[in-house]
Amino acid sequence: MTKRFVVVLSVLLALIMLVACGGSAPSGGGTSSGGTSSGGTSSGGASSGGASSGGTSSGGAAAGPARSKTVRYAYGSKPRTLDPNDYPDNESQISFYMYMDALIYTPHTGTGYEPRLAKSWDIDPGGMFWTFHLQEGISWSNGDPLNADDVVCTVERIVDRADDLSYKGQYIPTISHAERIDDLTVRIYFTEPTPLAGNGFRTLHIIPKKLYEQYGDGMFYDQGKDYYLVGNGPWLAEEWVDGQYMHYKKNPTYWNKAKYDPYFDEIYSLQITEASTGIAAHISGDVDALLISGGVPLDYLSLYAGTEDRIEMINVEGNNWYWFGFKYGEGSMWNDKDVREAFNMAINRQLIVDALYGGTGASVPHGYLGQSSIEGYDPNLRYPAYDPVKAKELLANSTYDGRSFEIVLTGNSSAFEQIGVTLMDMLKSVGFNMEFTLETSANATARMNAGDYDVFMSQGGFTDGVIQRQMSRIINDNEKTLYRSDELFSYIRGYLDTINEADRMNYARSVNRYITTELAPHINLIHRAQTFAQDYGIAGIRYAPDGYTNFVNVDWDPSLIP
């Protein structure tokens, strides 16, 4: 154990003990906390949903071993902003959900949206506006009622301040303005038809108009003031010590307590950047869960040996995967589907998962879209299975003439080099003549943009399980890849242009089926996985397949203790 590790750990544990004994660390800034709980029914073509906490809603009544009413988890980084209309990073967004509910919510595990502040909504068939019907009787944590004026204020703010608040540019670039219909009804307009606005509305956290007009941005930063981070979610922001922790307390007046009323009274999010430090704190019992971004590194999993009776390891397919892109065009060997199929069947993905990722750090993909996508995923789709004998036969009877080609690997780590060596052995064994080159991300991007490649292996991922960016990229990149398919492009354009959610989902499934069965224009190698650790009895933490981790609905369920 290094001296630096001991010092960092000692400081961290001293902080934890101080908090546990009711003390407080020096104040640093403001903290943001938030919540997600559903209620009501949805309309306008959107899916209805109830609470999906994933745990108990005990309100302290759960039977079993007694434990503290405070829960602590280690997180790997801190939010960059406390403003719920700004979205520069996942850490900030996760914090917003703690103290602010949005208009609607996505479960990150299926299709459609669930009610939140809006109990129902109607979508203009032409895609030019959404009309939201707000829940009755919602109050801010200071007692003021929430109404349509708050929604209008929020929309005006993100439109007027698009240059310094990232929400508009990142989620709904076409958002135009909002109109108050009545006290509980508001209509939000776009400058042009916007089929995928729902993904933006589930992140549209409403702010209180009265306080914003009175205190401006100070309501997000003036820690200790009575107007500081007044919210409408299940948790209230108490304190933020920059670089150390965020502290939340249960909101006693939360509007949706019937759906979510947790056992815990307080949450501490400890900002621990070093995985080994977080693991040590978890094993010692000073934190209840390790939720560092990306999960527990593979090299550190062995540190948990001997804790199996107390700590549960949770493996979740992440929203990141490695994939192959081929250069098509006149005379390309990849125009021949038999060549692509031979390439695919020559690769033993399970061997790569087991040998290079310990069997837990990655998974064999079902097809182009894995479980990390909530749009278009089909568990019945499969790539052709590993079969080197069949691959050799396909290649021998294809148009492949033995020419040499290069696979450009985007990355310079030892893991990428091992992947390259393994791929070369597999592909050469069935008759391919190839080499691989490791390039930095910048160099690889430059080569791809210039069309200077035969095959590249890159990393990709979905945002919140929604495939919009990936579909746009296939269309936009076709001048570089030179891949042509009227059928595929019609599915993609249908997905991007269709307002009706059910129709869009059908287009997404058609895209998935085409790319998986045609093995073009991409083939996925592996899906990366993430491993998280939490004490038995902790419930309600959501580890979504798209990589989103949500601890808003954390709870205690002693029946989960083995």
Protein backbone atom coordinates (compact mmCIF):
# COMPACT_ATOMS: atom_id res chain seq x y z
CA MET A 1 0.00 0.00 0.00
CA THR A 2 1.52 3.33 -1.06
CA LYS A 3 2.01 6.25 1.28
CA ARG A 4 -0.26 8.38 -0.90
CA PHE A 5 -3.01 5.77 -0.73
CA VAL A 6 -2.78 5.65 3.08
CA VAL A 7 -2.99 9.43 3.38
CA VAL A 8 -5.96 9.71 1.01
CA LEU A 9 -7.77 6.87 2.72
CA SER A 10 -7.12 8.30 6.19
CA VAL A 11 -8.52 11.69 5.19
CA LEU A 12 -11.55 10.06 3.59
CA LEU A 13 -12.33 7.86 6.58
CA ALA A 14 -11.92 10.79 8.95
CA LEU A 15 -14.45 12.69 6.88
CA ILE A 16 -16.85 9.76 6.92
CA MET A 17 -16.56 9.40 10.69
CA LEU A 18 -17.15 13.14 11.12
CA VAL A 19 -20.32 12.95 9.05
CA ALA A 20 -21.45 9.77 10.83
CA CYS A 21 -21.12 11.52 14.19
CA GLY A 22 -23.28 14.43 13.09
CA GLY A 23 -20.49 16.89 12.30
CA SER A 24 -20.06 18.78 9.05
CA ALA A 25 -17.13 19.44 6.81
CA PRO A 26 -16.22 22.96 5.66
CA SER A 27 -18.77 24.33 3.22
CA GLY A 28 -17.74 24.44 -0.41
CA GLY A 29 -20.50 25.48 -2.80
CA GLY A 30 -23.97 24.31 -3.59
CA THR A 31 -25.17 20.82 -4.09
CA SER A 32 -27.87 19.57 -6.32
CA SER A 33 -30.05 16.64 -5.56
CA GLY A 34 -33.05 15.19 -7.23
CA GLY A 35 -35.61 12.49 -7.71
CA THR A 36 -37.53 10.29 -10.02
CA SER A 37 -40.84 8.75 -9.13
CA SER A 38 -43.83 8.32 -11.31
CA GLY A 39 -47.52 8.73 -10.83
CA GLY A 40 -50.70 9.07 -12.80
CA THR A 41 -51.39 7.76 -16.27
CA SER A 42 -50.07 8.90 -19.59
CA SER A 43 -51.82 9.62 -22.83
CA GLY A 44 -51.10 11.05 -26.23
CA GLY A 45 -49.45 7.84 -27.38
CA ALA A 46 -46.98 7.69 -24.51
CA SER A 47 -46.59 4.65 -22.32
CA SER A 48 -48.07 4.79 -18.87
CA GLY A 49 -46.03 3.81 -15.89
CA GLY A 50 -46.10 3.58 -12.15
CA ALA A 51 -43.28 3.77 -9.70
CA SER A 52 -40.19 1.87 -10.64
CA SER A 53 -37.91 2.27 -7.70
CA GLY A 54 -36.52 -1.21 -7.95
CA GLY A 55 -36.66 -1.53 -4.20
CA THR A 56 -38.97 -1.24 -1.23
CA SER A 57 -41.02 1.81 -0.34
CA SER A 58 -40.83 1.01 3.30
CA GLY A 59 -40.92 4.45 4.88
CA GLY A 60 -38.96 2.91 7.73
CA ALA A 61 -41.33 0.01 8.34
CA ALA A 62 -39.20 -2.76 6.89
CA ALA A 63 -38.59 -5.67 9.22
CA GLY A 64 -35.19 -7.21 9.71
CA PRO A 65 -31.79 -6.12 10.97
CA ALA A 66 -31.75 -2.55 12.23
CA ARG A 67 -29.39 -0.19 10.50
CA SER A 68 -28.57 3.50 10.26
CA LYS A 69 -31.01 5.81 8.52
CA THR A 70 -28.07 7.24 6.56
CA VAL A 71 -26.78 5.65 3.37
CA ARG A 72 -23.41 6.46 1.85
CA TYR A 73 -22.07 5.61 -1.57
CA ALA A 74 -18.80 6.37 -3.29
CA TYR A 75 -18.94 8.11 -6.65
CA GLY A 76 -15.99 8.71 -8.91
CA SER A 77 -16.43 12.36 -9.83
CA LYS A 78 -18.27 15.54 -8.99
CA PRO A 79 -20.84 17.59 -10.90
CA ARG A 80 -19.55 20.54 -12.88
CA THR A 81 -22.67 22.62 -12.39
CA LEU A 82 -25.60 22.95 -10.00
CA ASP A 83 -27.93 24.46 -12.59
CA PRO A 84 -30.63 21.94 -13.61
CA ASN A 85 -31.00 23.54 -17.05
CA ASP A 86 -27.34 22.92 -17.87
CA TYR A 87 -26.05 19.46 -18.86
CA PRO A 88 -22.27 19.38 -19.29
CA ASP A 89 -21.78 15.89 -17.78
CA ASN A 90 -23.55 12.81 -16.42
CA GLU A 91 -22.58 13.57 -12.84
CA SER A 92 -24.43 16.90 -12.93
CA GLN A 93 -27.47 15.29 -14.51
CA ILE A 94 -27.61 12.54 -11.90
CA SER A 95 -27.56 15.20 -9.18
CA PHE A 96 -30.42 17.14 -10.78
CA TYR A 97 -32.66 14.09 -10.57
CA MET A 98 -32.14 13.95 -6.82
CA TYR A 99 -33.96 17.19 -6.03
CA MET A 100 -35.84 17.98 -9.25
CA ASP A 101 -38.45 15.93 -11.06
CA ALA A 102 -38.79 16.43 -14.80
CA LEU A 103 -41.99 16.60 -16.85
CA ILE A 104 -41.70 12.96 -17.87
CA TYR A 105 -39.29 10.10 -17.22
CA THR A 106 -37.77 7.24 -19.15
CA PRO A 107 -37.18 3.96 -17.32
CA HIS A 108 -33.98 3.37 -19.35
CA THR A 109 -35.03 -0.27 -19.69
CA GLY A 110 -37.88 -0.17 -22.16
CA THR A 111 -39.81 2.03 -24.53
CA GLY A 112 -41.94 5.06 -23.92
CA TYR A 113 -42.07 7.50 -21.04
CA GLU A 114 -43.58 7.59 -17.58
CA PRO A 115 -45.44 10.47 -15.93
CA ARG A 116 -43.66 12.76 -13.50
CA LEU A 117 -44.68 16.39 -13.06
CA ALA A 118 -46.91 15.87 -16.08
CA LYS A 119 -49.64 13.28 -15.52
CA SER A 120 -50.39 13.08 -19.25
CA TRP A 121 -49.43 14.68 -22.53
CA ASP A 122 -50.63 15.06 -26.11
CA ILE A 123 -48.34 15.18 -29.12
CA ASP A 124 -49.21 17.25 -32.18
CA PRO A 125 -49.50 14.81 -35.14
CA GLY A 126 -47.35 17.19 -37.13
CA GLY A 127 -44.63 17.18 -34.47
CA MET A 128 -44.76 20.95 -33.85
CA PHE A 129 -45.69 20.94 -30.17
CA TRP A 130 -46.40 18.86 -27.04
CA THR A 131 -49.18 19.70 -24.59
CA PHE A 132 -48.52 18.73 -20.96
CA HIS A 133 -51.20 18.30 -18.28
CA LEU A 134 -49.54 18.76 -14.87
CA GLN A 135 -50.28 16.77 -11.74
CA GLU A 136 -52.60 18.45 -9.26
CA GLY A 137 -51.37 19.51 -5.85
CA ILE A 138 -47.59 19.55 -6.41
CA SER A 139 -45.71 22.00 -4.21
CA TRP A 140 -42.11 23.14 -4.15
CA SER A 141 -40.14 22.24 -1.05
CA ASN A 142 -40.73 25.77 0.31
CA GLY A 143 -44.51 25.28 0.08
CA ASP A 144 -45.19 27.31 -3.08
CA PRO A 145 -47.46 25.57 -5.62
CA LEU A 146 -46.01 24.35 -8.90
CA ASN A 147 -47.95 25.40 -11.98
CA ALA A 148 -47.76 26.12 -15.71
CA ASP A 149 -46.04 29.48 -15.10
CA ASP A 150 -43.00 27.60 -13.77
CA VAL A 151 -42.81 25.54 -16.97
CA VAL A 152 -43.08 28.64 -19.16
CA CYS A 153 -40.34 30.35 -17.13
CA THR A 154 -38.06 27.32 -17.50
CA VAL A 155 -38.53 27.12 -21.28
CA GLU A 156 -37.99 30.85 -21.72
CA ARG A 157 -34.81 30.61 -19.68
CA ILE A 158 -33.24 27.79 -21.71
CA VAL A 159 -34.18 29.48 -25.00
CA ASP A 160 -33.01 32.96 -24.01
CA ARG A 161 -29.78 31.62 -22.52
CA ALA A 162 -28.91 28.98 -25.07
CA ASP A 163 -25.37 30.38 -25.28
CA ASP A 164 -24.49 29.64 -21.65
CA LEU A 165 -26.93 26.84 -20.74
CA SER A 166 -26.31 23.64 -22.68
CA TYR A 167 -29.81 22.13 -22.45
CA LYS A 168 -31.23 23.52 -25.71
CA GLY A 169 -28.23 22.64 -27.85
CA GLN A 170 -27.79 19.21 -26.33
CA TYR A 171 -31.37 17.96 -26.14
CA ILE A 172 -33.95 19.96 -28.13
CA PRO A 173 -32.25 22.44 -30.49
CA THR A 174 -35.63 23.20 -32.09
CA ILE A 175 -37.42 24.22 -28.89
CA SER A 176 -39.05 27.60 -29.47
CA HIS A 177 -41.35 28.78 -26.66
CA ALA A 178 -44.02 27.71 -24.18
CA GLU A 179 -47.61 28.82 -23.81
CA ARG A 180 -49.70 28.75 -20.64
CA ILE A 181 -53.09 27.21 -21.48
CA ASP A 182 -54.36 27.22 -17.90
CA ASP A 183 -52.90 26.80 -14.42
CA LEU A 184 -52.06 23.12 -14.99
CA THR A 185 -51.74 22.94 -18.78
CA VAL A 186 -48.81 24.15 -20.85
CA ARG A 187 -47.87 23.75 -24.51
CA ILE A 188 -44.26 23.69 -25.68
CA TYR A 189 -43.55 24.54 -29.34
CA PHE A 190 -40.73 23.75 -31.79
CA THR A 191 -39.42 25.66 -34.78
CA GLU A 192 -39.82 22.54 -36.94
CA PRO A 193 -41.22 19.01 -36.56
CA THR A 194 -39.26 17.28 -33.78
CA PRO A 195 -39.93 13.53 -33.56
CA LEU A 196 -37.51 12.79 -30.70
CA ALA A 197 -38.46 15.60 -28.32
CA GLY A 198 -39.44 13.11 -25.63
CA ASN A 199 -35.81 12.32 -24.89
CA GLY A 200 -35.32 16.00 -24.13
CA PHE A 201 -38.45 16.46 -22.06
CA ARG A 202 -37.45 13.67 -19.71
CA THR A 203 -34.45 15.88 -18.78
CA LEU A 204 -36.39 19.16 -18.64
CA HIS A 205 -36.24 19.93 -14.93
CA ILE A 206 -38.67 22.70 -14.05
CA ILE A 207 -37.49 25.60 -11.87
CA PRO A 208 -39.68 27.82 -9.63
CA LYS A 209 -40.51 31.06 -11.46
CA LYS A 210 -41.08 33.11 -8.30
CA LEU A 211 -37.66 32.34 -6.82
CA TYR A 212 -35.81 32.63 -10.13
CA GLU A 213 -37.26 36.08 -10.77
CA GLN A 214 -36.28 37.12 -7.25
CA TYR A 215 -32.82 35.54 -6.90
CA GLY A 216 -31.72 34.53 -10.40
CA ASP A 217 -28.88 31.99 -10.60
CA GLY A 218 -28.24 32.53 -6.90
CA MET A 219 -30.91 29.93 -6.18
CA PHE A 220 -28.50 27.30 -7.55
CA TYR A 221 -25.36 28.54 -5.79
CA ASP A 222 -26.14 30.48 -2.60
CA GLN A 223 -25.67 27.61 -0.21
CA GLY A 224 -27.27 28.14 3.19
CA LYS A 225 -29.99 30.49 1.94
CA ASP A 226 -33.64 29.49 2.31
CA TYR A 227 -34.12 29.78 -1.46
CA TYR A 228 -31.14 27.55 -2.24
CA LEU A 229 -32.00 24.63 -4.55
CA VAL A 230 -35.70 24.62 -3.70
CA GLY A 231 -36.93 21.53 -5.50
CA ASN A 232 -39.80 19.12 -6.03
CA GLY A 233 -38.06 15.75 -5.84
CA PRO A 234 -37.79 13.18 -3.02
CA TRP A 235 -34.49 14.58 -1.70
CA LEU A 236 -33.40 18.04 -0.58
CA ALA A 237 -29.94 19.47 -1.04
CA GLU A 238 -28.26 20.20 2.29
CA GLU A 239 -24.58 20.70 1.63
CA TRP A 240 -21.94 20.41 -1.04
CA VAL A 241 -18.27 20.29 -0.13
CA ASP A 242 -16.50 20.55 -3.47
CA GLY A 243 -14.37 17.51 -4.20
CA GLN A 244 -15.48 15.70 -1.04
CA TYR A 245 -19.19 14.96 -0.73
CA MET A 246 -22.77 15.93 -1.41
CA HIS A 247 -25.37 15.63 1.33
CA TYR A 248 -29.11 15.17 0.81
CA LYS A 249 -32.04 14.85 3.23
CA LYS A 250 -35.41 13.28 2.58
CA ASN A 251 -38.05 15.75 1.42
CA PRO A 252 -40.87 15.47 4.01
CA THR A 253 -43.39 17.10 1.65
CA TYR A 254 -42.50 15.16 -1.51
CA TRP A 255 -45.57 15.13 -3.74
CA ASN A 256 -45.24 11.47 -4.74
CA LYS A 257 -44.57 9.80 -1.38
CA ALA A 258 -47.30 7.25 -2.12
CA LYS A 259 -44.97 5.83 -4.76
CA TYR A 260 -41.64 6.38 -3.05
CA ASP A 261 -41.12 6.95 0.68
CA PRO A 262 -37.68 5.55 1.50
CA TYR A 263 -36.35 4.04 4.71
CA PHE A 264 -33.36 6.38 4.65
CA ASP A 265 -33.41 9.94 5.93
CA GLU A 266 -30.06 11.05 4.53
CA ILE A 267 -27.74 10.32 1.60
CA TYR A 268 -24.06 11.13 1.36
CA SER A 269 -22.45 10.96 -2.08
CA LEU A 270 -18.70 10.73 -1.41
CA GLN A 271 -16.58 11.91 -4.32
CA ILE A 272 -13.77 9.36 -4.49
CA THR A 273 -11.75 9.48 -7.68
CA GLU A 274 -9.44 6.53 -7.01
CA ALA A 275 -11.10 3.14 -7.34
CA SER A 276 -8.78 1.48 -4.83
CA THR A 277 -9.66 4.10 -2.21
CA GLY A 278 -13.37 3.59 -2.77
CA ILE A 279 -13.03 -0.17 -2.56
CA ALA A 280 -11.09 0.09 0.70
CA ALA A 281 -13.80 2.31 2.19
CA HIS A 282 -16.49 -0.11 1.02
CA ILE A 283 -14.79 -3.19 2.37
CA SER A 284 -14.22 -1.47 5.72
CA GLY A 285 -17.95 -0.72 5.94
CA ASP A 286 -17.64 3.06 5.64
CA VAL A 287 -19.66 3.21 2.43
CA ASP A 288 -22.63 1.08 1.39
CA ALA A 289 -22.12 1.04 -2.38
CA LEU A 290 -19.38 1.74 -4.92
CA LEU A 291 -20.88 3.47 -7.95
CA ILE A 292 -17.82 4.91 -9.64
CA SER A 293 -18.29 5.79 -13.29
CA GLY A 294 -17.50 2.84 -15.53
CA GLY A 295 -17.79 0.38 -12.66
CA VAL A 296 -15.09 -1.42 -10.69
CA PRO A 297 -11.97 -1.75 -12.87
CA LEU A 298 -11.22 -5.35 -13.77
CA ASP A 299 -7.80 -5.16 -12.17
CA TYR A 300 -9.40 -4.34 -8.80
CA LEU A 301 -12.19 -6.92 -8.67
CA SER A 302 -9.96 -9.31 -6.74
CA LEU A 303 -9.82 -6.82 -3.85
CA TYR A 304 -13.40 -7.82 -3.03
CA ALA A 305 -12.42 -11.46 -2.42
CA GLY A 306 -13.75 -12.68 0.91
CA THR A 307 -16.63 -10.19 1.11
CA GLU A 308 -19.15 -12.32 -0.77
CA ASP A 309 -21.35 -12.76 2.30
CA ARG A 310 -21.82 -8.99 2.70
CA ILE A 311 -21.27 -7.33 -0.68
CA GLU A 312 -23.10 -8.06 -3.92
CA MET A 313 -21.32 -7.64 -7.27
CA ILE A 314 -23.69 -6.47 -10.00
CA ASN A 315 -22.74 -6.84 -13.66
CA VAL A 316 -24.52 -4.59 -16.16
CA GLU A 317 -24.02 -4.35 -19.88
CA GLY A 318 -22.71 -0.84 -20.49
CA ASN A 319 -23.50 1.62 -23.24
CA ASN A 320 -20.11 1.15 -24.87
CA TRP A 321 -18.99 -1.39 -27.41
CA TYR A 322 -16.23 -2.09 -29.92
CA TRP A 323 -17.26 -2.30 -33.56
CA PHE A 324 -15.75 -2.79 -37.02
CA GLY A 325 -16.39 -0.35 -39.86
CA PHE A 326 -15.54 -1.39 -43.42
CA LYS A 327 -14.50 0.71 -46.42
CA TYR A 328 -16.84 -0.03 -49.30
CA GLY A 329 -16.89 1.37 -52.84
CA GLU A 330 -15.91 0.05 -56.23
CA GLY A 331 -13.66 -3.01 -56.03
CA SER A 332 -13.91 -3.35 -52.23
CA MET A 333 -13.71 -6.88 -50.90
CA TRP A 334 -16.32 -5.92 -48.30
CA ASN A 335 -19.02 -5.54 -50.97
CA ASP A 336 -19.24 -9.34 -50.89
CA LYS A 337 -21.47 -10.50 -48.02
CA ASP A 338 -19.67 -13.89 -47.96
CA VAL A 339 -16.44 -12.06 -47.10
CA ARG A 340 -18.14 -10.12 -44.31
CA GLU A 341 -19.73 -13.30 -42.99
CA ALA A 342 -16.41 -15.15 -43.06
CA PHE A 343 -14.84 -12.25 -41.14
CA ASN A 344 -17.62 -12.41 -38.54
CA MET A 345 -17.57 -16.21 -38.13
CA ALA A 346 -13.78 -16.31 -37.79
CA ILE A 347 -13.90 -14.28 -34.55
CA ASN A 348 -14.33 -16.12 -31.26
CA ARG A 349 -15.95 -13.33 -29.27
CA GLN A 350 -16.45 -15.46 -26.16
CA LEU A 351 -12.71 -16.18 -26.04
CA ILE A 352 -11.99 -12.44 -26.15
CA VAL A 353 -14.53 -11.79 -23.39
CA ASP A 354 -13.12 -14.56 -21.19
CA ALA A 355 -9.40 -14.09 -21.85
CA LEU A 356 -9.15 -10.30 -22.01
CA TYR A 357 -12.04 -9.21 -19.81
CA GLY A 358 -12.27 -11.94 -17.21
CA GLY A 359 -15.71 -13.03 -18.38
CA THR A 360 -17.37 -10.09 -16.60
CA GLY A 361 -15.96 -6.95 -18.18
CA ALA A 362 -17.61 -7.54 -21.54
CA SER A 363 -20.29 -9.61 -23.24
CA VAL A 364 -20.91 -11.20 -26.62
CA PRO A 365 -23.35 -8.99 -28.57
CA HIS A 366 -26.65 -10.37 -29.80
CA GLY A 367 -26.43 -8.17 -32.85
CA TYR A 368 -25.98 -4.56 -33.79
CA LEU A 369 -28.22 -3.21 -31.01
CA GLY A 370 -27.72 -4.73 -27.58
CA GLN A 371 -29.60 -4.39 -24.33
CA SER A 372 -28.07 -0.95 -23.85
CA SER A 373 -30.49 0.33 -26.47
CA ILE A 374 -34.10 0.86 -25.42
CA GLU A 375 -34.96 1.39 -29.07
CA GLY A 376 -34.86 -1.48 -31.53
CA TYR A 377 -33.30 -4.15 -29.31
CA ASP A 378 -34.41 -7.67 -30.26
CA PRO A 379 -33.23 -10.51 -27.98
CA ASN A 380 -33.98 -13.04 -30.71
CA LEU A 381 -31.50 -11.56 -33.19
CA ARG A 382 -28.08 -13.17 -33.37
CA TYR A 383 -24.94 -12.70 -35.41
CA PRO A 384 -23.86 -15.89 -37.20
CA ALA A 385 -22.06 -17.97 -34.56
CA TYR A 386 -18.31 -18.51 -34.37
CA ASP A 387 -17.47 -21.25 -36.86
CA PRO A 388 -13.92 -21.18 -38.30
CA VAL A 389 -14.59 -24.17 -40.55
CA LYS A 390 -17.59 -22.48 -42.15
CA ALA A 391 -15.68 -19.20 -42.32
CA LYS A 392 -12.83 -20.84 -44.24
CA GLU A 393 -15.33 -22.40 -46.64
CA LEU A 394 -17.17 -19.11 -47.21
CA LEU A 395 -13.94 -17.24 -47.81
CA ALA A 396 -12.63 -19.84 -50.26
CA ASN A 397 -15.82 -19.59 -52.35
CA SER A 398 -16.07 -15.78 -52.16
CA THR A 399 -14.59 -13.07 -54.35
CA TYR A 400 -11.73 -12.54 -51.90
CA ASP A 401 -8.45 -12.74 -53.82
CA GLY A 402 -6.01 -12.96 -50.92
CA ARG A 403 -5.17 -9.27 -50.89
CA SER A 404 -3.67 -7.85 -47.70
CA PHE A 405 -5.69 -5.40 -45.61
CA GLU A 406 -5.18 -3.40 -42.44
CA ILE A 407 -7.37 -3.07 -39.36
CA VAL A 408 -6.90 0.29 -37.68
CA LEU A 409 -7.46 0.00 -33.91
CA THR A 410 -8.48 3.20 -32.15
CA GLY A 411 -6.51 3.12 -28.93
CA ASN A 412 -2.99 2.64 -27.66
CA SER A 413 -3.47 0.52 -24.54
CA SER A 414 -2.16 -2.99 -23.99
CA ALA A 415 -5.75 -4.27 -24.11
CA PHE A 416 -6.13 -2.99 -27.67
CA GLU A 417 -2.84 -4.56 -28.66
CA GLN A 418 -3.98 -7.90 -27.24
CA ILE A 419 -7.23 -7.60 -29.18
CA GLY A 420 -5.25 -6.88 -32.34
CA VAL A 421 -2.98 -9.90 -31.90
CA THR A 422 -5.93 -12.15 -31.11
CA LEU A 423 -7.91 -10.94 -34.12
CA MET A 424 -4.93 -11.42 -36.42
CA ASP A 425 -4.50 -15.04 -35.30
CA MET A 426 -8.20 -15.79 -35.77
CA LEU A 427 -8.57 -14.11 -39.16
CA LYS A 428 -5.35 -15.50 -40.63
CA SER A 429 -6.33 -19.01 -39.55
CA VAL A 430 -9.30 -18.99 -41.94
CA GLY A 431 -7.40 -17.45 -44.88
CA PHE A 432 -7.47 -13.68 -44.44
CA ASN A 433 -4.24 -11.81 -45.11
CA MET A 434 -4.19 -8.91 -42.64
CA GLU A 435 -2.24 -6.78 -40.21
CA PHE A 436 -3.33 -4.31 -37.57
CA THR A 437 -2.17 -0.83 -36.59
CA LEU A 438 -2.66 0.89 -33.25
CA GLU A 439 -3.52 4.57 -33.65
CA THR A 440 -4.33 7.30 -31.17
CA SER A 441 -7.91 8.50 -31.26
CA ALA A 442 -6.92 11.69 -33.09
CA ASN A 443 -4.88 9.87 -35.74
CA ALA A 444 -7.53 7.22 -36.24
CA THR A 445 -10.24 9.87 -36.66
CA ALA A 446 -8.12 11.72 -39.20
CA ARG A 447 -7.57 8.52 -41.18
CA MET A 448 -11.26 7.62 -41.10
CA ASN A 449 -12.27 11.11 -42.24
CA ALA A 450 -9.78 10.91 -45.09
CA GLY A 451 -10.97 7.43 -46.09
CA ASP A 452 -7.47 6.08 -45.41
CA TYR A 453 -8.44 2.65 -44.08
CA ASP A 454 -9.62 -0.84 -45.03
CA VAL A 455 -11.24 -1.70 -41.68
CA PHE A 456 -11.28 0.24 -38.44
CA MET A 457 -12.25 -0.87 -34.98
CA SER A 458 -13.68 1.93 -32.87
CA GLN A 459 -15.74 2.45 -29.74
CA GLY A 460 -19.37 3.54 -29.74
CA GLY A 461 -22.22 4.04 -27.35
CA PHE A 462 -25.80 5.16 -26.98
CA THR A 463 -27.02 8.15 -25.02
CA ASP A 464 -29.81 7.11 -22.64
CA GLY A 465 -30.52 4.09 -24.80
CA VAL A 466 -31.69 6.27 -27.70
CA ILE A 467 -30.09 5.56 -31.09
CA GLN A 468 -30.72 8.91 -32.78
CA ARG A 469 -27.06 9.91 -33.01
CA GLN A 470 -25.97 6.51 -34.29
CA MET A 471 -28.61 6.55 -37.02
CA SER A 472 -27.66 10.06 -38.08
CA ARG A 473 -24.02 9.03 -38.19
CA ILE A 474 -24.65 6.15 -40.59
CA ILE A 475 -26.32 8.58 -42.99
CA ASN A 476 -23.72 11.32 -42.53
CA ASP A 477 -20.72 8.99 -42.76
CA ASN A 478 -21.80 7.22 -45.91
CA GLU A 479 -19.65 9.55 -48.04
CA LYS A 480 -16.63 8.24 -46.12
CA THR A 481 -17.63 4.57 -45.83
CA LEU A 482 -19.09 4.55 -49.39
CA TYR A 483 -21.76 2.10 -48.22
CA ARG A 484 -24.99 2.26 -50.19
CA SER A 485 -28.33 0.69 -49.28
CA ASP A 486 -31.64 2.28 -50.19
CA GLU A 487 -33.39 -0.19 -47.89
CA LEU A 488 -31.30 0.63 -44.79
CA PHE A 489 -31.36 4.36 -45.44
CA SER A 490 -35.15 4.32 -45.80
CA TYR A 491 -35.45 2.68 -42.36
CA ILE A 492 -33.07 5.22 -40.81
CA ARG A 493 -34.84 8.21 -42.36
CA GLY A 494 -38.17 6.80 -41.24
CA TYR A 495 -36.83 6.51 -37.69
CA LEU A 496 -35.46 10.06 -37.69
CA ASP A 497 -38.52 11.68 -39.30
CA THR A 498 -41.46 9.80 -37.75
CA ILE A 499 -43.49 11.46 -35.01
CA ASN A 500 -45.46 8.40 -33.91
CA GLU A 501 -43.47 6.53 -31.26
CA ALA A 502 -44.72 3.02 -32.19
CA ASP A 503 -43.82 3.58 -35.85
CA ARG A 504 -40.40 4.90 -34.89
CA MET A 505 -39.75 1.81 -32.77
CA ASN A 506 -40.63 -0.39 -35.76
CA TYR A 507 -38.13 1.51 -37.89
CA ALA A 508 -35.49 1.04 -35.17
CA ARG A 509 -36.14 -2.71 -35.15
CA SER A 510 -35.87 -2.79 -38.94
CA VAL A 511 -32.50 -1.01 -38.76
CA ASN A 512 -31.28 -3.51 -36.17
CA ARG A 513 -32.48 -6.51 -38.19
CA TYR A 514 -30.90 -5.22 -41.42
CA ILE A 515 -27.47 -4.43 -39.96
CA THR A 516 -27.35 -7.68 -37.97
CA THR A 517 -28.36 -9.96 -40.85
CA GLU A 518 -26.48 -8.12 -43.62
CA LEU A 519 -23.40 -7.59 -41.42
CA ALA A 520 -23.15 -4.10 -42.89
CA PRO A 521 -22.13 -1.37 -42.69
CA HIS A 522 -20.91 -2.32 -39.19
CA ILE A 523 -20.20 -5.46 -37.19
CA ASN A 524 -19.92 -5.31 -33.40
CA LEU A 525 -17.08 -7.16 -31.69
CA ILE A 526 -18.05 -7.03 -28.00
CA HIS A 527 -20.23 -5.03 -25.66
CA ARG A 528 -18.40 -3.66 -22.66
CA ALA A 529 -19.88 -4.37 -19.24
CA GLN A 530 -19.68 -2.57 -15.92
CA THR A 531 -19.43 -4.08 -12.45
CA PHE A 532 -20.85 -2.29 -9.42
CA ALA A 533 -20.73 -3.28 -5.77
CA GLN A 534 -23.32 -2.71 -3.06
CA ASP A 535 -24.09 -4.13 0.36
CA TYR A 536 -26.81 -6.74 0.56
CA GLY A 537 -30.01 -5.08 1.74
CA ILE A 538 -29.48 -1.92 -0.29
CA ALA A 539 -32.29 -1.69 -2.83
CA GLY A 540 -33.61 0.67 -5.47
CA ILE A 541 -30.34 1.70 -7.13
CA ARG A 542 -30.99 1.49 -10.84
CA TYR A 543 -28.21 0.13 -13.02
CA ALA A 544 -29.75 0.64 -16.44
CA PRO A 545 -28.51 -1.28 -19.49
CA ASP A 546 -27.62 2.00 -21.21
CA GLY A 547 -25.03 2.76 -18.53
CA TYR A 548 -27.17 5.21 -16.57
CA THR A 549 -26.87 4.80 -12.79
CA ASN A 550 -29.68 6.28 -10.71
CA PHE A 551 -29.63 6.22 -6.91
CA VAL A 552 -32.63 8.52 -6.43
CA ASN A 553 -34.85 5.64 -5.33
CA VAL A 554 -32.38 4.02 -2.96
CA ASP A 555 -34.04 2.07 -0.15
CA TRP A 556 -33.44 -0.64 2.44
CA ASP A 557 -34.80 -4.18 2.12
CA PRO A 558 -33.40 -6.65 4.69
CA SER A 559 -35.05 -9.55 2.85
CA LEU A 560 -32.28 -9.18 0.27
CA ILE A 561 -29.61 -10.14 2.81
CA PRO A 562 -28.57 -13.78 2.19
